């Protein structure tokens, strides 16, 4: 064993600038001599994880979890190295022959990290991270012509871990620019979901128009923390008196803060187990509990998460994401229409309503300060049942297309509508005869309608609408690669309140989003065909296909 260790050390120093030792069956110590900007960590998605304590100058620089390659390397992620470091690695799970793991064979250093798209399923006009895992959209706000989107991000792999706030910006909700991440794990824990506000009147004392972020610190407990930005949201300083709110239950997270002009105060709504709790504040720092909502309403098959609360026209809409317990299994977004007086939300709604009737729409939240008082929503376009297993490597997950929310009534019942945001119309190019990888299909319904999208591999999806029953269906059971999860192949359906006259179908490589043109229902579903759907067969309707260009 001693001779083997000496040989490995010599090879490692020659190849990657590090020396290693194995003090225990599940432990490794690496001394890294910094030669370039990054140490490239080899990742194997199906491997058990490992914790890496990064130590520099006798201090802990950071702690991260990564699935270091054991049998083979799927891809690399960059660990920035500013000076010589020691890595103390603790491998999880069953460990045999640790000294022979694939990660030791190729852990190079590099001054560059190539994020050029290498994935055939990466969407063209949906937001995605440059690399790594992404889930919930966070902290979305609009200021000075720019939409800011933060998101749950793992910098060290394409599966969930190391929750950090990634950051992207856009001027049109379609073209996104990757910015530097803004919030990193600290002594209170990982950085879970939350929201941002523009403090126009300096109520918190951080400055006029300071961006104030609220997020869940997820460590030994879940508590609410705050950070602020004085440069428009590109960098943040954490509040030195965090946490600002401590709860009394394990699942206590995802604060959504907004200015209530009618009450003249700030409100916060956050998830606590299977209810939502509402708080108020004058200064964003001190919060008073007002009420809770949830008992006896909606679906309760899982934990409530990622709330939002907003006034649309003369009604209030409370968004409640749930996992599991969604209408078609796994995660989904339910909502309630009612009234809110700054302290208590009430509703007469008895039926459980869903903001999207597909399988892949979760963690829906809206932009703070959107122009013209628009309620623009984005969702995470995946499902917790299989999000870690979808067939991509460089990145995992995209956001839905932006949607403008509204309220409409049918037979005395109120519903939340979701229309494709007007910015999407600007992408329309010329009409084409057959579908492309990125296109919009407008369907004018004449009678019972059936649309089949297919390719030469006999892979297909069907979208149908029964004009008598007003039932819309989407079947992806033969859509392509469904084998990565038993929960993926599925048919979803919904009765459209008030019926439908026209559908708008957005196709973007790995996703199909079906909107009633009035926003009465939406279906969002992922698909992974071996080649794109180049054929269309339609009955009972007129179809117009538009090429989409960013």
Protein backbone atom coordinates (compact mmCIF):
# COMPACT_ATOMS: atom_id res chain seq x y z
CA UNK A 1 0.00 0.00 0.00
CA UNK A 2 2.81 2.47 0.84
CA UNK A 3 4.47 1.91 -2.55
CA UNK A 4 1.08 2.40 -4.29
CA UNK A 5 0.50 5.68 -2.45
CA UNK A 6 3.95 6.96 -3.39
CA UNK A 7 3.31 6.07 -7.03
CA UNK A 8 -0.10 7.78 -7.03
CA UNK A 9 1.36 10.88 -5.43
CA UNK A 10 4.10 11.16 -8.03
CA UNK A 11 1.66 10.70 -10.91
CA UNK A 12 -0.79 13.22 -9.44
CA UNK A 13 1.84 15.90 -8.92
CA UNK A 14 3.00 15.46 -12.48
CA UNK A 15 -0.48 15.48 -14.03
CA UNK A 16 -2.67 17.77 -11.96
CA UNK A 17 -0.62 19.69 -9.43
CA UNK A 18 -1.82 17.80 -6.34
CA UNK A 19 -0.56 15.23 -3.86
CA UNK A 20 -2.93 12.84 -2.13
CA UNK A 21 -3.18 10.42 0.76
CA UNK A 22 -5.90 8.07 2.04
CA UNK A 23 -6.11 8.24 5.84
CA UNK A 24 -9.25 6.05 6.01
CA UNK A 25 -11.41 3.81 3.84
CA UNK A 26 -13.72 6.70 3.01
CA UNK A 27 -11.32 9.65 3.27
CA UNK A 28 -8.82 11.36 1.03
CA UNK A 29 -6.54 14.37 1.57
CA UNK A 30 -5.28 16.36 -1.41
CA UNK A 31 -2.71 19.14 -1.35
CA UNK A 32 -3.29 21.29 -4.43
CA UNK A 33 -0.54 23.50 -5.76
CA UNK A 34 -2.32 26.28 -7.63
CA UNK A 35 -1.06 26.50 -11.22
CA UNK A 36 -4.18 27.87 -12.94
CA UNK A 37 -7.52 29.47 -12.05
CA UNK A 38 -9.65 26.33 -11.68
CA UNK A 39 -9.30 22.79 -10.43
CA UNK A 40 -11.61 20.76 -12.66
CA UNK A 41 -13.58 18.29 -10.54
CA UNK A 42 -14.66 15.12 -12.41
CA UNK A 43 -18.33 14.28 -11.74
CA UNK A 44 -20.26 11.03 -12.06
CA UNK A 45 -23.99 11.68 -11.67
CA UNK A 46 -24.86 8.18 -10.45
CA UNK A 47 -22.09 8.03 -7.85
CA UNK A 48 -22.62 8.58 -4.16
CA UNK A 49 -21.63 12.06 -3.12
CA UNK A 50 -18.63 13.35 -1.22
CA UNK A 51 -18.08 16.34 1.04
CA UNK A 52 -15.03 18.47 0.29
CA UNK A 53 -13.66 20.80 2.94
CA UNK A 54 -11.51 23.36 1.09
CA UNK A 55 -8.77 24.63 3.41
CA UNK A 56 -6.40 27.50 2.74
CA UNK A 57 -3.95 29.16 5.14
CA UNK A 58 -5.27 27.03 8.01
CA UNK A 59 -8.84 28.29 7.52
CA UNK A 60 -11.94 26.73 6.00
CA UNK A 61 -12.47 28.45 2.64
CA UNK A 62 -15.67 26.62 1.74
CA UNK A 63 -17.49 23.31 2.12
CA UNK A 64 -19.16 21.69 -0.86
CA UNK A 65 -20.78 18.41 -1.84
CA UNK A 66 -19.99 16.82 -5.18
CA UNK A 67 -20.42 13.42 -6.81
CA UNK A 68 -16.73 12.78 -7.52
CA UNK A 69 -16.26 10.20 -10.26
CA UNK A 70 -15.73 6.64 -9.03
CA UNK A 71 -16.22 4.50 -12.15
CA UNK A 72 -16.26 7.09 -14.95
CA UNK A 73 -16.35 10.84 -15.53
CA UNK A 74 -19.57 12.26 -16.98
CA UNK A 75 -18.44 15.91 -17.01
CA UNK A 76 -16.32 18.45 -15.10
CA UNK A 77 -17.20 21.37 -12.85
CA UNK A 78 -14.78 24.16 -11.88
CA UNK A 79 -13.51 24.80 -8.35
CA UNK A 80 -11.83 28.19 -8.23
CA UNK A 81 -8.41 28.03 -6.55
CA UNK A 82 -6.84 31.24 -5.31
CA UNK A 83 -3.55 29.97 -3.96
CA UNK A 84 -2.42 26.58 -2.70
CA UNK A 85 -5.15 24.57 -0.98
CA UNK A 86 -5.80 21.37 0.92
CA UNK A 87 -8.92 19.35 0.13
CA UNK A 88 -10.26 17.13 2.91
CA UNK A 89 -12.65 14.71 1.16
CA UNK A 90 -15.20 12.49 2.90
CA UNK A 91 -16.81 9.98 0.54
CA UNK A 92 -20.38 8.88 1.34
CA UNK A 93 -21.93 5.46 0.89
CA UNK A 94 -20.12 2.21 0.30
CA UNK A 95 -16.46 2.69 -0.55
CA UNK A 96 -14.20 -0.02 -1.95
CA UNK A 97 -10.81 0.61 -3.47
CA UNK A 98 -10.95 4.35 -2.97
CA UNK A 99 -7.42 4.74 -4.29
CA UNK A 100 -8.60 3.45 -7.68
CA UNK A 101 -11.47 5.91 -8.16
CA UNK A 102 -11.68 7.53 -11.58
CA UNK A 103 -11.44 11.03 -10.14
CA UNK A 104 -7.73 10.63 -9.30
CA UNK A 105 -6.87 9.79 -12.91
CA UNK A 106 -7.93 13.14 -14.34
CA UNK A 107 -8.34 16.20 -12.15
CA UNK A 108 -6.72 18.88 -14.32
CA UNK A 109 -6.28 22.59 -13.74
CA UNK A 110 -7.45 25.17 -16.25
CA UNK A 111 -7.69 28.93 -16.74
CA UNK A 112 -10.97 28.53 -18.66
CA UNK A 113 -14.25 26.70 -18.27
CA UNK A 114 -16.16 26.13 -21.49
CA UNK A 115 -19.91 26.72 -21.07
CA UNK A 116 -20.69 26.60 -24.79
CA UNK A 117 -23.85 24.57 -25.28
CA UNK A 118 -23.12 20.88 -25.77
CA UNK A 119 -26.68 19.63 -25.17
CA UNK A 120 -29.16 18.82 -27.92
CA UNK A 121 -32.05 19.26 -25.48
CA UNK A 122 -31.06 22.71 -24.23
CA UNK A 123 -34.00 25.03 -25.05
CA UNK A 124 -33.50 27.97 -27.37
CA UNK A 125 -35.92 30.57 -25.96
CA UNK A 126 -36.29 29.40 -22.35
CA UNK A 127 -33.96 30.48 -19.58
CA UNK A 128 -31.39 27.88 -18.53
CA UNK A 129 -28.24 28.04 -16.37
CA UNK A 130 -24.93 28.13 -18.19
CA UNK A 131 -24.12 24.84 -16.47
CA UNK A 132 -25.08 22.86 -13.41
CA UNK A 133 -28.36 22.15 -11.68
CA UNK A 134 -31.18 24.72 -11.41
CA UNK A 135 -34.54 24.58 -9.68
CA UNK A 136 -36.79 27.31 -8.20
CA UNK A 137 -36.75 30.84 -9.64
CA UNK A 138 -35.91 33.27 -6.81
CA UNK A 139 -35.87 36.98 -6.06
CA UNK A 140 -37.27 38.15 -9.39
CA UNK A 141 -37.61 41.91 -9.85
CA UNK A 142 -37.61 44.60 -12.55
CA UNK A 143 -35.67 47.87 -12.40
CA UNK A 144 -34.49 50.41 -14.99
CA UNK A 145 -35.47 48.29 -17.98
CA UNK A 146 -33.87 45.07 -16.72
CA UNK A 147 -35.51 41.90 -15.42
CA UNK A 148 -33.42 40.17 -12.75
CA UNK A 149 -33.84 36.44 -12.19
CA UNK A 150 -32.08 34.58 -9.40
CA UNK A 151 -32.43 30.83 -9.09
CA UNK A 152 -31.56 27.83 -6.98
CA UNK A 153 -28.24 26.68 -8.40
CA UNK A 154 -25.62 23.99 -7.83
CA UNK A 155 -22.21 25.17 -9.14
CA UNK A 156 -20.70 21.71 -8.59
CA UNK A 157 -22.93 19.33 -10.52
CA UNK A 158 -26.11 18.79 -12.49
CA UNK A 159 -28.04 17.25 -9.60
CA UNK A 160 -29.49 19.03 -6.57
CA UNK A 161 -26.93 20.18 -3.95
CA UNK A 162 -24.97 23.21 -2.65
CA UNK A 163 -27.89 25.63 -3.01
CA UNK A 164 -26.66 29.05 -4.13
CA UNK A 165 -28.42 31.97 -5.82
CA UNK A 166 -27.40 32.05 -9.48
CA UNK A 167 -28.24 35.19 -11.44
CA UNK A 168 -29.38 36.10 -14.95
CA UNK A 169 -30.71 39.31 -16.50
CA UNK A 170 -32.88 40.15 -19.49
CA UNK A 171 -34.42 43.15 -21.19
CA UNK A 172 -37.12 41.17 -23.00
CA UNK A 173 -37.82 38.02 -20.92
CA UNK A 174 -36.47 35.89 -23.79
CA UNK A 175 -32.76 36.63 -24.18
CA UNK A 176 -30.94 36.07 -20.90
CA UNK A 177 -27.42 37.02 -19.85
CA UNK A 178 -25.63 34.89 -17.25
CA UNK A 179 -24.34 37.07 -14.40
CA UNK A 180 -22.14 36.22 -11.44
CA UNK A 181 -23.87 34.33 -8.60
CA UNK A 182 -24.83 36.54 -5.68
CA UNK A 183 -25.56 34.53 -2.50
CA UNK A 184 -23.47 31.61 -1.22
CA UNK A 185 -23.90 29.19 1.72
CA UNK A 186 -22.64 30.41 5.08
CA UNK A 187 -22.68 29.39 8.75
CA UNK A 188 -26.50 29.51 8.79
CA UNK A 189 -26.74 27.03 5.93
CA UNK A 190 -27.43 26.76 2.22
CA UNK A 191 -29.29 29.53 0.41
CA UNK A 192 -32.82 28.33 -0.31
CA UNK A 193 -35.63 30.13 -2.13
CA UNK A 194 -36.87 33.66 -1.51
CA UNK A 195 -37.70 37.02 -3.03
CA UNK A 196 -36.41 40.54 -3.67
CA UNK A 197 -38.02 43.96 -3.36
CA UNK A 198 -37.01 47.40 -4.56
CA UNK A 199 -37.06 49.58 -1.43
CA UNK A 200 -38.03 52.81 -3.20
CA UNK A 201 -38.58 54.79 0.03
CA UNK A 202 -35.56 53.44 1.97
CA UNK A 203 -37.74 51.89 4.66
CA UNK A 204 -34.92 49.51 5.64
CA UNK A 205 -32.19 52.17 5.78
CA UNK A 206 -29.96 50.60 3.14
CA UNK A 207 -30.55 53.45 0.69
CA UNK A 208 -33.21 54.64 -1.74
CA UNK A 209 -33.97 51.92 -4.32
CA UNK A 210 -31.81 49.38 -2.53
CA UNK A 211 -32.60 45.81 -3.57
CA UNK A 212 -33.46 43.83 -0.45
CA UNK A 213 -33.41 40.04 -0.69
CA UNK A 214 -35.14 37.61 1.64
CA UNK A 215 -34.17 33.96 1.58
CA UNK A 216 -34.22 30.82 3.67
CA UNK A 217 -30.98 29.85 5.36
CA UNK A 218 -31.17 26.06 5.43
CA UNK A 219 -28.76 24.62 7.95
CA UNK A 220 -29.59 22.74 11.13
CA UNK A 221 -32.80 24.78 11.08
CA UNK A 222 -34.66 26.67 8.38
CA UNK A 223 -34.68 30.40 9.19
CA UNK A 224 -35.28 33.55 7.18
CA UNK A 225 -32.36 35.84 6.36
CA UNK A 226 -31.89 39.13 4.53
CA UNK A 227 -29.30 40.70 2.23
CA UNK A 228 -29.16 44.02 0.40
CA UNK A 229 -27.70 45.42 -2.78
CA UNK A 230 -26.82 49.02 -3.58
CA UNK A 231 -25.68 48.37 -7.16
CA UNK A 232 -29.00 47.25 -8.64
CA UNK A 233 -28.86 43.59 -7.67
CA UNK A 234 -25.46 42.52 -9.05
CA UNK A 235 -23.80 42.11 -5.64
CA UNK A 236 -25.27 41.70 -2.16
CA UNK A 237 -24.18 42.20 1.43
CA UNK A 238 -25.77 39.94 4.02
CA UNK A 239 -27.52 41.66 6.92
CA UNK A 240 -25.30 41.38 9.99
CA UNK A 241 -28.19 40.48 12.30
CA UNK A 242 -29.48 37.44 10.43
CA UNK A 243 -31.71 35.57 10.87
CA UNK A 244 -34.62 38.02 10.84
CA UNK A 245 -37.27 35.34 11.43
CA UNK A 246 -37.10 32.00 13.23
CA UNK A 247 -39.91 29.46 12.96
CA UNK A 248 -41.28 26.59 14.99
CA UNK A 249 -41.40 23.80 12.39
CA UNK A 250 -38.86 21.96 10.20
CA UNK A 251 -40.28 23.12 6.84
CA UNK A 252 -40.24 26.91 7.29
CA UNK A 253 -39.14 28.58 4.09
CA UNK A 254 -39.45 30.55 0.85
CA UNK A 255 -40.34 34.09 1.99
CA UNK A 256 -42.19 36.22 -0.58
CA UNK A 257 -42.19 39.92 0.36
CA UNK A 258 -44.25 42.66 -1.31
CA UNK A 259 -45.37 46.23 -0.64
CA UNK A 260 -49.06 46.48 0.25
CA UNK A 261 -50.05 49.97 -0.84
CA UNK A 262 -53.56 49.64 0.59
CA UNK A 263 -52.27 48.85 4.08
CA UNK A 264 -49.16 51.03 3.79
CA UNK A 265 -46.77 48.29 4.93
CA UNK A 266 -44.70 45.36 3.80
CA UNK A 267 -46.21 41.88 3.84
CA UNK A 268 -44.40 38.57 3.85
CA UNK A 269 -45.98 35.22 3.05
CA UNK A 270 -43.97 32.06 3.66
CA UNK A 271 -44.51 28.33 3.77
CA UNK A 272 -44.68 26.48 7.09
CA UNK A 273 -45.40 22.78 6.71
CA UNK A 274 -48.82 22.58 5.04
CA UNK A 275 -49.90 26.15 5.59
CA UNK A 276 -48.91 29.66 4.59
CA UNK A 277 -48.08 32.27 7.22
CA UNK A 278 -48.50 35.99 6.72
CA UNK A 279 -46.40 38.68 8.43
CA UNK A 280 -46.20 42.47 8.29
CA UNK A 281 -43.40 45.00 8.72
CA UNK A 282 -42.73 48.74 8.43
CA UNK A 283 -38.96 48.47 7.95
CA UNK A 284 -38.28 45.01 6.40
CA UNK A 285 -36.24 44.04 9.47
CA UNK A 286 -38.83 43.44 12.18
CA UNK A 287 -41.74 41.17 11.33
CA UNK A 288 -45.06 40.63 13.11
CA UNK A 289 -47.11 37.48 12.64
CA UNK A 290 -50.62 38.22 11.35
CA UNK A 291 -52.34 34.97 10.35
CA UNK A 292 -52.07 31.58 8.71
CA UNK A 293 -53.94 30.03 5.79
CA UNK A 294 -54.32 26.47 4.60
CA UNK A 295 -56.35 24.24 6.89
CA UNK A 296 -59.30 22.86 4.97
CA UNK A 297 -58.30 24.35 1.62
CA UNK A 298 -56.63 22.85 -1.42
CA UNK A 299 -54.40 19.80 -1.79
CA UNK A 300 -52.34 18.55 1.17
CA UNK A 301 -50.52 15.54 -0.24
CA UNK A 302 -47.11 17.10 0.43
CA UNK A 303 -45.24 20.10 1.79
CA UNK A 304 -46.43 23.57 0.77
CA UNK A 305 -43.67 25.69 -0.76
CA UNK A 306 -42.82 28.84 -2.73
CA UNK A 307 -45.84 31.06 -2.06
CA UNK A 308 -46.85 34.28 -3.77
CA UNK A 309 -49.69 36.69 -3.00
CA UNK A 310 -50.80 39.49 -5.33
CA UNK A 311 -53.77 41.65 -6.20
CA UNK A 312 -55.07 41.30 -9.75
CA UNK A 313 -57.95 43.59 -10.68
CA UNK A 314 -60.16 43.48 -7.57
CA UNK A 315 -59.24 39.99 -6.38
CA UNK A 316 -56.24 38.55 -4.58
CA UNK A 317 -54.48 35.41 -5.83
CA UNK A 318 -52.48 33.21 -3.47
CA UNK A 319 -50.07 30.85 -5.25
CA UNK A 320 -49.14 27.68 -3.37
CA UNK A 321 -46.67 25.16 -4.76
CA UNK A 322 -46.88 21.63 -3.36
CA UNK A 323 -44.57 18.60 -3.44
CA UNK A 324 -45.61 15.83 -3.64
CA UNK A 325 -49.37 15.91 -4.06
CA UNK A 326 -49.66 17.48 -7.52
CA UNK A 327 -52.71 16.66 -9.61
CA UNK A 328 -50.74 14.28 -11.87
CA UNK A 329 -48.18 13.17 -9.29
CA UNK A 330 -45.10 14.83 -7.87
CA UNK A 331 -44.82 18.61 -7.73
CA UNK A 332 -47.32 21.18 -9.04
CA UNK A 333 -48.70 24.69 -8.48
CA UNK A 334 -52.13 25.24 -6.93
CA UNK A 335 -53.75 28.60 -6.31
CA UNK A 336 -56.59 30.31 -4.46
CA UNK A 337 -58.62 33.39 -5.43
CA UNK A 338 -59.98 35.48 -2.57
CA UNK A 339 -59.54 38.65 -0.54
CA UNK A 340 -56.73 40.05 1.61
CA UNK A 341 -56.81 42.97 4.07
CA UNK A 342 -53.11 43.13 4.89
CA UNK A 343 -53.52 40.66 7.74
CA UNK A 344 -55.68 37.74 6.63
CA UNK A 345 -56.35 35.98 3.33
CA UNK A 346 -59.87 34.54 2.90
CA UNK A 347 -61.51 32.60 0.10
CA UNK A 348 -64.81 30.89 -0.71
CA UNK A 349 -63.07 28.56 -3.16
CA UNK A 350 -63.93 24.91 -2.59
CA UNK A 351 -62.41 23.29 -5.66
CA UNK A 352 -58.67 22.66 -5.84
CA UNK A 353 -57.37 24.67 -8.79
CA UNK A 354 -54.01 24.33 -10.55
CA UNK A 355 -52.08 27.01 -12.38
CA UNK A 356 -50.81 24.47 -14.92
CA UNK A 357 -52.23 21.07 -15.81
CA UNK A 358 -49.02 19.53 -17.13
CA UNK A 359 -46.40 17.50 -15.29
CA UNK A 360 -43.58 20.05 -15.46
CA UNK A 361 -44.54 23.34 -13.86
CA UNK A 362 -43.46 24.13 -10.29
CA UNK A 363 -42.19 26.83 -7.91
CA UNK A 364 -44.16 29.53 -9.76
CA UNK A 365 -43.50 33.10 -8.57
CA UNK A 366 -43.88 36.60 -10.06
CA UNK A 367 -41.60 39.59 -10.68
CA UNK A 368 -41.66 42.42 -8.15
CA UNK A 369 -42.07 45.90 -9.66
CA UNK A 370 -42.94 44.66 -13.17
CA UNK A 371 -43.94 47.54 -15.50
CA UNK A 372 -47.60 48.58 -15.88
CA UNK A 373 -48.45 46.53 -12.78
CA UNK A 374 -48.11 43.32 -14.81
CA UNK A 375 -48.06 40.05 -12.90
CA UNK A 376 -45.39 38.17 -14.84
CA UNK A 377 -44.73 34.63 -13.64
CA UNK A 378 -41.97 32.11 -14.25
CA UNK A 379 -41.92 28.50 -13.13
CA UNK A 380 -39.33 25.77 -12.83
CA UNK A 381 -40.01 23.49 -15.80
CA UNK A 382 -39.57 20.08 -14.22
CA UNK A 383 -40.96 17.71 -11.61
CA UNK A 384 -39.28 16.44 -8.45
CA UNK A 385 -40.26 12.89 -9.40
CA UNK A 386 -37.50 12.76 -12.04
CA UNK A 387 -35.74 16.14 -12.20
CA UNK A 388 -32.37 14.64 -11.22
CA UNK A 389 -32.65 11.94 -13.90
CA UNK A 390 -33.68 13.77 -17.09
CA UNK A 391 -31.27 12.98 -19.97
CA UNK A 392 -28.98 16.01 -19.90
CA UNK A 393 -25.52 16.40 -18.35
CA UNK A 394 -24.12 19.89 -18.84
CA UNK A 395 -27.20 21.45 -17.23
CA UNK A 396 -30.47 20.32 -15.72
CA UNK A 397 -33.71 22.23 -15.90
CA UNK A 398 -35.12 25.31 -17.58
CA UNK A 399 -37.74 27.88 -16.66
CA UNK A 400 -41.12 28.08 -18.34
CA UNK A 401 -41.89 30.80 -20.84
CA UNK A 402 -43.01 34.01 -19.08
CA UNK A 403 -46.73 34.22 -18.40
CA UNK A 404 -48.94 37.19 -17.55
CA UNK A 405 -51.44 36.29 -14.85
CA UNK A 406 -55.02 37.56 -14.70
CA UNK A 407 -58.39 36.75 -13.13
CA UNK A 408 -61.60 35.72 -14.90
CA UNK A 409 -64.99 34.44 -13.80
CA UNK A 410 -67.17 31.61 -15.14
CA UNK A 411 -70.58 30.86 -13.63
CA UNK A 412 -69.76 32.92 -10.55
CA UNK A 413 -66.46 31.14 -9.88
CA UNK A 414 -63.13 32.96 -10.10
CA UNK A 415 -60.05 31.54 -11.81
CA UNK A 416 -56.47 32.67 -12.41
CA UNK A 417 -55.54 32.95 -16.07
CA UNK A 418 -52.04 32.58 -17.53
CA UNK A 419 -51.35 33.98 -21.01
CA UNK A 420 -48.02 33.84 -22.86
CA UNK A 421 -46.33 37.17 -22.18
CA UNK A 422 -46.58 39.64 -25.07
CA UNK A 423 -42.79 39.55 -25.53
CA UNK A 424 -43.17 36.11 -27.10
CA UNK A 425 -45.04 37.57 -30.08
CA UNK A 426 -41.87 39.39 -31.10
CA UNK A 427 -40.21 36.03 -31.75
CA UNK A 428 -42.65 35.08 -34.48
CA UNK A 429 -41.04 34.69 -37.85
CA UNK A 430 -42.62 33.58 -41.08
CA UNK A 431 -45.27 30.89 -41.31
CA UNK A 432 -43.87 27.43 -42.10
CA UNK A 433 -45.54 24.25 -43.32
CA UNK A 434 -44.11 21.73 -40.87
CA UNK A 435 -42.95 22.01 -37.24
CA UNK A 436 -39.36 22.82 -36.36
CA UNK A 437 -37.41 22.38 -33.13
CA UNK A 438 -38.50 25.85 -32.00
CA UNK A 439 -41.90 26.97 -33.18
CA UNK A 440 -45.37 28.17 -32.19
CA UNK A 441 -48.49 26.43 -33.48
CA UNK A 442 -51.74 28.40 -33.39
CA UNK A 443 -54.76 26.09 -33.40
CA UNK A 444 -58.18 27.48 -34.34
CA UNK A 445 -60.67 24.96 -33.00
CA UNK A 446 -63.61 24.11 -35.30
CA UNK A 447 -64.94 20.93 -33.69
CA UNK A 448 -63.46 18.00 -31.79
CA UNK A 449 -59.74 18.49 -32.33
CA UNK A 450 -56.76 16.16 -32.37
CA UNK A 451 -53.18 17.16 -33.14
CA UNK A 452 -50.37 14.62 -33.46
CA UNK A 453 -46.74 15.73 -33.54
CA UNK A 454 -44.37 12.97 -34.66
CA UNK A 455 -40.98 12.10 -36.13
CA UNK A 456 -39.52 9.35 -38.32
CA UNK A 457 -38.74 7.20 -35.25
CA UNK A 458 -42.46 6.69 -34.54
CA UNK A 459 -42.23 8.93 -31.49
CA UNK A 460 -45.19 11.24 -31.02
CA UNK A 461 -47.34 13.32 -28.71
CA UNK A 462 -51.05 13.96 -29.06
CA UNK A 463 -53.00 17.02 -27.98
CA UNK A 464 -56.78 16.75 -28.17
CA UNK A 465 -59.79 18.88 -27.29
CA UNK A 466 -63.37 17.65 -26.93
CA UNK A 467 -65.67 20.52 -27.84
CA UNK A 468 -68.68 18.94 -26.12
CA UNK A 469 -67.04 18.34 -22.74
CA UNK A 470 -64.40 21.14 -23.02
CA UNK A 471 -61.73 18.63 -21.96
CA UNK A 472 -58.16 19.25 -23.13
CA UNK A 473 -55.71 16.32 -23.08
CA UNK A 474 -51.97 15.93 -23.62
CA UNK A 475 -50.46 12.45 -24.07
CA UNK A 476 -46.66 12.02 -24.01
CA UNK A 477 -46.54 8.28 -23.33
CA UNK A 478 -44.87 7.72 -26.75
CA UNK A 479 -42.94 11.00 -26.86
CA UNK A 480 -39.42 9.51 -27.01
CA UNK A 481 -37.09 8.67 -24.14
CA UNK A 482 -39.33 7.95 -21.15
CA UNK A 483 -37.22 5.16 -19.61
CA UNK A 484 -35.25 7.29 -17.13
CA UNK A 485 -38.24 7.34 -14.73
CA UNK A 486 -41.43 5.27 -14.33
CA UNK A 487 -43.24 8.53 -13.55
CA UNK A 488 -42.41 10.31 -16.82
CA UNK A 489 -44.73 8.73 -19.38
CA UNK A 490 -48.10 10.29 -18.67
CA UNK A 491 -51.35 11.76 -19.98
CA UNK A 492 -52.67 14.97 -18.46
CA UNK A 493 -56.15 16.45 -18.87
CA UNK A 494 -58.36 19.31 -17.71
CA UNK A 495 -61.82 20.71 -18.35
CA UNK A 496 -61.38 24.24 -19.67
CA UNK A 497 -63.60 26.68 -17.70
CA UNK A 498 -65.86 28.34 -20.26
CA UNK A 499 -64.42 26.27 -23.11
CA UNK A 500 -61.67 27.04 -25.62
CA UNK A 501 -61.70 28.47 -29.15
CA UNK A 502 -57.97 28.68 -29.84
CA UNK A 503 -54.76 27.09 -28.57
CA UNK A 504 -51.19 28.37 -28.73
CA UNK A 505 -48.55 25.62 -28.59
CA UNK A 506 -44.91 26.53 -27.90
CA UNK A 507 -42.30 23.92 -28.83
CA UNK A 508 -38.68 24.31 -27.76
CA UNK A 509 -36.51 21.17 -28.18
CA UNK A 510 -37.40 19.46 -24.88
CA UNK A 511 -40.65 21.18 -23.94
CA UNK A 512 -44.20 21.69 -25.17
CA UNK A 513 -46.41 24.31 -23.52
CA UNK A 514 -50.07 24.38 -24.53
CA UNK A 515 -52.04 27.57 -23.74
CA UNK A 516 -55.67 28.30 -24.23
CA UNK A 517 -55.27 31.63 -26.05
CA UNK A 518 -57.39 33.37 -23.38
CA UNK A 519 -55.20 31.87 -20.65
CA UNK A 520 -57.97 29.76 -19.16
CA UNK A 521 -55.73 26.70 -18.84
CA UNK A 522 -52.09 25.79 -19.54
CA UNK A 523 -50.25 22.48 -19.88
CA UNK A 524 -46.46 22.29 -19.62
CA UNK A 525 -44.74 19.00 -20.40
CA UNK A 526 -41.15 17.97 -21.09
CA UNK A 527 -40.36 15.63 -24.00
CA UNK A 528 -37.10 13.96 -25.04
CA UNK A 529 -37.50 12.65 -28.60
CA UNK A 530 -34.56 11.07 -30.40
CA UNK A 531 -35.17 13.58 -33.19
CA UNK A 532 -37.46 16.58 -33.25
CA UNK A 533 -41.11 16.34 -34.25
CA UNK A 534 -41.08 17.29 -37.93
CA UNK A 535 -44.58 16.09 -38.82
CA UNK A 536 -48.03 17.28 -37.84
CA UNK A 537 -51.45 15.69 -38.37
CA UNK A 538 -54.47 17.72 -37.32
CA UNK A 539 -58.22 17.14 -37.45
CA UNK A 540 -61.13 19.37 -36.47
CA UNK A 541 -59.07 22.56 -36.56
CA UNK A 542 -56.96 24.96 -38.58
CA UNK A 543 -53.26 25.16 -37.68
CA UNK A 544 -50.75 27.90 -38.41
CA UNK A 545 -47.10 27.25 -37.61
CA UNK A 546 -44.65 30.07 -36.97
CA UNK A 547 -40.88 29.77 -36.83
CA UNK A 548 -39.61 31.34 -33.60
CA UNK A 549 -36.42 33.38 -33.51
CA UNK A 550 -34.84 35.13 -30.54
